[in-house]
Amino acid sequence: GNVKFIFVGLIQHCEQIAMATIILSQALNAYFYGLLNLIDTFPAIIIAMKY
């Protein structure tokens, strides 16, 4: 009985960590994607400023 309870608690804890990891990685992917898009627009901004 007690071992099963500990095991279930452990699985739930691992699931929470997995969910947090997925959310974090998605947030990082979105951040880096936005950063790359920003870097791509820098030359255009610099060229626009020159004229």
C-alpha atoms as a PDB file:
ATOM      1  CA  GLY A   1       0.000   0.000   0.000  1.00  0.00           C
ATOM      2  CA  ASN A   2       2.577   2.543   1.116  1.00  0.00           C
ATOM      3  CA  VAL A   3       5.052   1.680  -1.646  1.00  0.00           C
ATOM      4  CA  LYS A   4       2.327   2.152  -4.276  1.00  0.00           C
ATOM      5  CA  PHE A   5       1.520   5.595  -2.827  1.00  0.00           C
ATOM      6  CA  ILE A   6       5.196   6.635  -3.021  1.00  0.00           C
ATOM      7  CA  PHE A   7       5.443   5.286  -6.581  1.00  0.00           C
ATOM      8  CA  VAL A   8       2.338   7.209  -7.732  1.00  0.00           C
ATOM      9  CA  GLY A   9       3.677  10.387  -6.107  1.00  0.00           C
ATOM     10  CA  LEU A  10       7.009   9.917  -7.856  1.00  0.00           C
ATOM     11  CA  ILE A  11       5.340   9.469 -11.268  1.00  0.00           C
ATOM     12  CA  GLN A  12       3.237  12.612 -10.740  1.00  0.00           C
ATOM     13  CA  HIS A  13       6.358  14.553  -9.766  1.00  0.00           C
ATOM     14  CA  CYS A  14       8.183  13.351 -12.904  1.00  0.00           C
ATOM     15  CA  GLU A  15       5.192  14.325 -15.061  1.00  0.00           C
ATOM     16  CA  GLN A  16       5.234  17.835 -13.572  1.00  0.00           C
ATOM     17  CA  ILE A  17       8.960  18.162 -14.326  1.00  0.00           C
ATOM     18  CA  ALA A  18       8.401  16.863 -17.875  1.00  0.00           C
ATOM     19  CA  MET A  19       5.600  19.391 -18.470  1.00  0.00           C
ATOM     20  CA  ALA A  20       7.720  22.252 -17.102  1.00  0.00           C
ATOM     21  CA  THR A  21      10.621  21.158 -19.330  1.00  0.00           C
ATOM     22  CA  ILE A  22       8.397  21.069 -22.436  1.00  0.00           C
ATOM     23  CA  ILE A  23       6.941  24.514 -21.670  1.00  0.00           C
ATOM     24  CA  LEU A  24      10.427  25.924 -21.035  1.00  0.00           C
ATOM     25  CA  SER A  25      11.875  24.477 -24.251  1.00  0.00           C
ATOM     26  CA  GLN A  26       8.936  25.845 -26.272  1.00  0.00           C
ATOM     27  CA  ALA A  27       9.450  29.274 -24.696  1.00  0.00           C
ATOM     28  CA  LEU A  28      13.181  29.154 -25.496  1.00  0.00           C
ATOM     29  CA  ASN A  29      12.470  28.082 -29.088  1.00  0.00           C
ATOM     30  CA  ALA A  30      10.052  31.008 -29.509  1.00  0.00           C
ATOM     31  CA  TYR A  31      12.616  33.384 -27.966  1.00  0.00           C
ATOM     32  CA  PHE A  32      15.483  32.237 -30.215  1.00  0.00           C
ATOM     33  CA  TYR A  33      13.223  32.278 -33.288  1.00  0.00           C
ATOM     34  CA  GLY A  34      12.232  35.869 -32.481  1.00  0.00           C
ATOM     35  CA  LEU A  35      15.879  36.767 -31.879  1.00  0.00           C
ATOM     36  CA  LEU A  36      16.930  35.329 -35.257  1.00  0.00           C
ATOM     37  CA  ASN A  37      14.148  37.268 -36.995  1.00  0.00           C
ATOM     38  CA  LEU A  38      15.331  40.430 -35.241  1.00  0.00           C
ATOM     39  CA  ILE A  39      18.944  39.808 -36.361  1.00  0.00           C
ATOM     40  CA  ASP A  40      17.680  39.279 -39.931  1.00  0.00           C
ATOM     41  CA  THR A  41      16.015  42.708 -39.874  1.00  0.00           C
ATOM     42  CA  PHE A  42      19.080  44.556 -38.525  1.00  0.00           C
ATOM     43  CA  PRO A  43      20.789  45.006 -41.934  1.00  0.00           C
ATOM     44  CA  ALA A  44      17.525  46.368 -43.362  1.00  0.00           C
ATOM     45  CA  ILE A  45      17.225  48.822 -40.450  1.00  0.00           C
ATOM     46  CA  ILE A  46      20.863  49.947 -40.841  1.00  0.00           C
ATOM     47  CA  ILE A  47      20.447  50.406 -44.614  1.00  0.00           C
ATOM     48  CA  ALA A  48      17.235  52.385 -44.023  1.00  0.00           C
ATOM     49  CA  MET A  49      19.046  54.652 -41.526  1.00  0.00           C
ATOM     50  CA  LYS A  50      21.844  55.420 -44.002  1.00  0.00           C
ATOM     51  CA  TYR A  51      19.419  56.933 -46.534  1.00  0.00           C
END
